[in-house]
């Protein structure tokens, strides 16, 4: 199973982002609360944590206890979708495609910028502009 969660001290934006991403990839959103990493890793194949660190937001995916990919969210666009809902995600990042393709539909697009885009519930749409992979401390 796949879970999307936030850090223990999350913001309204990170909680909304986590809920929408979970909806798009067909996974469960889990408010972090007092859940620890061991508890999450024992119960789930893949879990994605969206957390704020200093003045930036970071998205890190874990398989077991091991971080497999981490991206800094540089900017975001959001709006109301006009078209029919799209399940899964669009991304220009091959590593994100490889990570998520076992869990949901992932469409790889050619772009000069690194991004992930997805539809949330209630006609919401979001595109995250991502930075290069941040340092993963194992």
Protein backbone atom coordinates (compact mmCIF):
# COMPACT_ATOMS: atom_id res chain seq x y z
CA UNK A 1 0.00 0.00 0.00
CA UNK A 2 1.06 3.59 -0.59
CA UNK A 3 0.62 6.45 1.87
CA UNK A 4 1.15 10.19 1.54
CA UNK A 5 1.71 12.10 4.78
CA UNK A 6 3.20 15.30 6.16
CA UNK A 7 5.66 16.14 8.87
CA UNK A 8 4.39 16.29 12.42
CA UNK A 9 4.26 20.07 12.33
CA UNK A 10 2.59 20.59 8.99
CA UNK A 11 1.10 23.69 7.44
CA UNK A 12 -2.28 24.06 5.78
CA UNK A 13 -0.56 24.09 2.38
CA UNK A 14 1.47 20.90 2.97
CA UNK A 15 -1.61 19.06 4.27
CA UNK A 16 -3.65 20.11 1.22
CA UNK A 17 -0.82 19.16 -1.12
CA UNK A 18 -0.46 15.75 0.53
CA UNK A 19 -4.22 15.09 0.34
CA UNK A 20 -4.37 16.05 -3.36
CA UNK A 21 -1.30 13.96 -4.26
CA UNK A 22 -2.73 10.95 -2.40
CA UNK A 23 -6.00 11.36 -4.31
CA UNK A 24 -4.18 11.56 -7.66
CA UNK A 25 -2.07 8.44 -7.15
CA UNK A 26 -4.88 6.46 -5.54
CA UNK A 27 -3.21 6.13 -2.18
CA UNK A 28 -4.20 6.88 1.38
CA UNK A 29 -3.59 10.26 3.02
CA UNK A 30 -2.53 9.86 6.62
CA UNK A 31 -2.37 12.89 8.90
CA UNK A 32 1.01 12.33 10.53
CA UNK A 33 0.19 13.16 14.12
CA UNK A 34 2.35 10.92 16.27
CA UNK A 35 2.96 8.23 13.64
CA UNK A 36 6.69 7.49 13.39
CA UNK A 37 8.69 6.43 10.36
CA UNK A 38 9.02 2.85 11.60
CA UNK A 39 5.28 2.51 11.92
CA UNK A 40 4.76 3.89 8.41
CA UNK A 41 7.51 1.77 6.86
CA UNK A 42 6.27 -1.45 8.50
CA UNK A 43 2.74 -0.97 7.16
CA UNK A 44 3.41 0.45 3.67
CA UNK A 45 5.46 -0.39 0.58
CA UNK A 46 5.96 3.27 -0.30
CA UNK A 47 5.28 6.39 1.68
CA UNK A 48 5.75 9.96 0.61
CA UNK A 49 6.39 12.69 3.17
CA UNK A 50 5.81 16.34 2.35
CA UNK A 51 7.44 18.60 4.89
CA UNK A 52 8.59 22.15 5.37
CA UNK A 53 12.25 22.68 6.19
CA UNK A 54 13.30 26.24 6.87
CA UNK A 55 11.78 28.22 3.98
CA UNK A 56 11.32 25.39 1.49
CA UNK A 57 9.00 22.44 1.06
CA UNK A 58 10.50 19.02 0.39
CA UNK A 59 8.87 15.88 -0.97
CA UNK A 60 10.68 12.68 0.03
CA UNK A 61 9.65 9.12 -0.86
CA UNK A 62 10.62 6.12 1.26
CA UNK A 63 10.52 2.42 0.53
CA UNK A 64 10.88 0.61 3.81
CA UNK A 65 13.10 2.81 5.97
CA UNK A 66 15.15 3.96 3.00
CA UNK A 67 14.66 7.30 1.26
CA UNK A 68 14.60 6.67 -2.50
CA UNK A 69 14.00 10.14 -3.90
CA UNK A 70 13.82 13.66 -2.54
CA UNK A 71 12.84 16.81 -4.40
CA UNK A 72 12.62 20.43 -3.32
CA UNK A 73 9.36 22.10 -4.36
CA UNK A 74 10.52 25.40 -5.84
CA UNK A 75 7.15 26.77 -6.90
CA UNK A 76 3.62 25.68 -7.57
CA UNK A 77 0.66 26.55 -9.75
CA UNK A 78 -2.85 25.60 -8.80
CA UNK A 79 -6.25 26.17 -10.21
CA UNK A 80 -9.58 24.71 -11.18
CA UNK A 81 -9.52 22.11 -13.92
CA UNK A 82 -11.71 22.64 -16.94
CA UNK A 83 -11.36 19.17 -18.43
CA UNK A 84 -12.31 15.68 -17.29
CA UNK A 85 -10.35 14.43 -14.28
CA UNK A 86 -6.98 12.82 -15.00
CA UNK A 87 -6.01 9.91 -12.78
CA UNK A 88 -2.34 9.50 -12.03
CA UNK A 89 0.35 12.11 -12.61
CA UNK A 90 2.24 13.89 -15.38
CA UNK A 91 5.95 14.39 -14.76
CA UNK A 92 9.14 15.30 -16.56
CA UNK A 93 11.23 13.44 -13.95
CA UNK A 94 12.28 9.90 -14.92
CA UNK A 95 13.05 8.98 -11.29
CA UNK A 96 9.55 9.97 -10.16
CA UNK A 97 8.09 7.95 -13.04
CA UNK A 98 10.14 4.89 -12.06
CA UNK A 99 9.14 5.24 -8.40
CA UNK A 100 5.39 5.70 -8.95
CA UNK A 101 4.74 3.57 -12.04
CA UNK A 102 4.10 0.43 -9.94
CA UNK A 103 1.41 2.28 -7.97
CA UNK A 104 -0.42 4.50 -10.46
CA UNK A 105 -0.56 5.74 -14.03
CA UNK A 106 2.44 8.01 -14.71
CA UNK A 107 2.89 9.91 -17.96
CA UNK A 108 6.41 11.08 -18.72
CA UNK A 109 6.58 14.32 -20.71
CA UNK A 110 9.56 16.06 -22.25
CA UNK A 111 10.21 19.43 -20.63
CA UNK A 112 13.12 21.68 -19.74
CA UNK A 113 11.79 22.09 -16.21
CA UNK A 114 11.37 19.33 -13.64
CA UNK A 115 7.74 19.10 -12.55
CA UNK A 116 4.91 16.88 -11.41
CA UNK A 117 1.30 17.72 -12.19
CA UNK A 118 -1.89 16.09 -10.94
CA UNK A 119 -5.61 16.54 -10.41
CA UNK A 120 -7.04 16.68 -6.93
CA UNK A 121 -10.61 16.31 -5.74
CA UNK A 122 -13.27 18.97 -6.26
CA UNK A 123 -11.88 20.09 -9.64
CA UNK A 124 -8.52 21.18 -8.19
CA UNK A 125 -5.38 20.93 -10.32
CA UNK A 126 -1.78 21.41 -9.21
CA UNK A 127 1.63 21.61 -10.86
CA UNK A 128 4.76 21.52 -8.71
CA UNK A 129 8.02 22.88 -10.11
CA UNK A 130 10.77 20.75 -8.59
CA UNK A 131 14.44 21.33 -7.95
CA UNK A 132 17.17 18.82 -8.58
CA UNK A 133 17.39 15.93 -6.17
CA UNK A 134 18.24 17.12 -2.71
CA UNK A 135 20.75 15.28 -0.57
CA UNK A 136 19.41 12.03 0.87
CA UNK A 137 20.92 11.13 4.21
CA UNK A 138 20.57 7.39 4.71
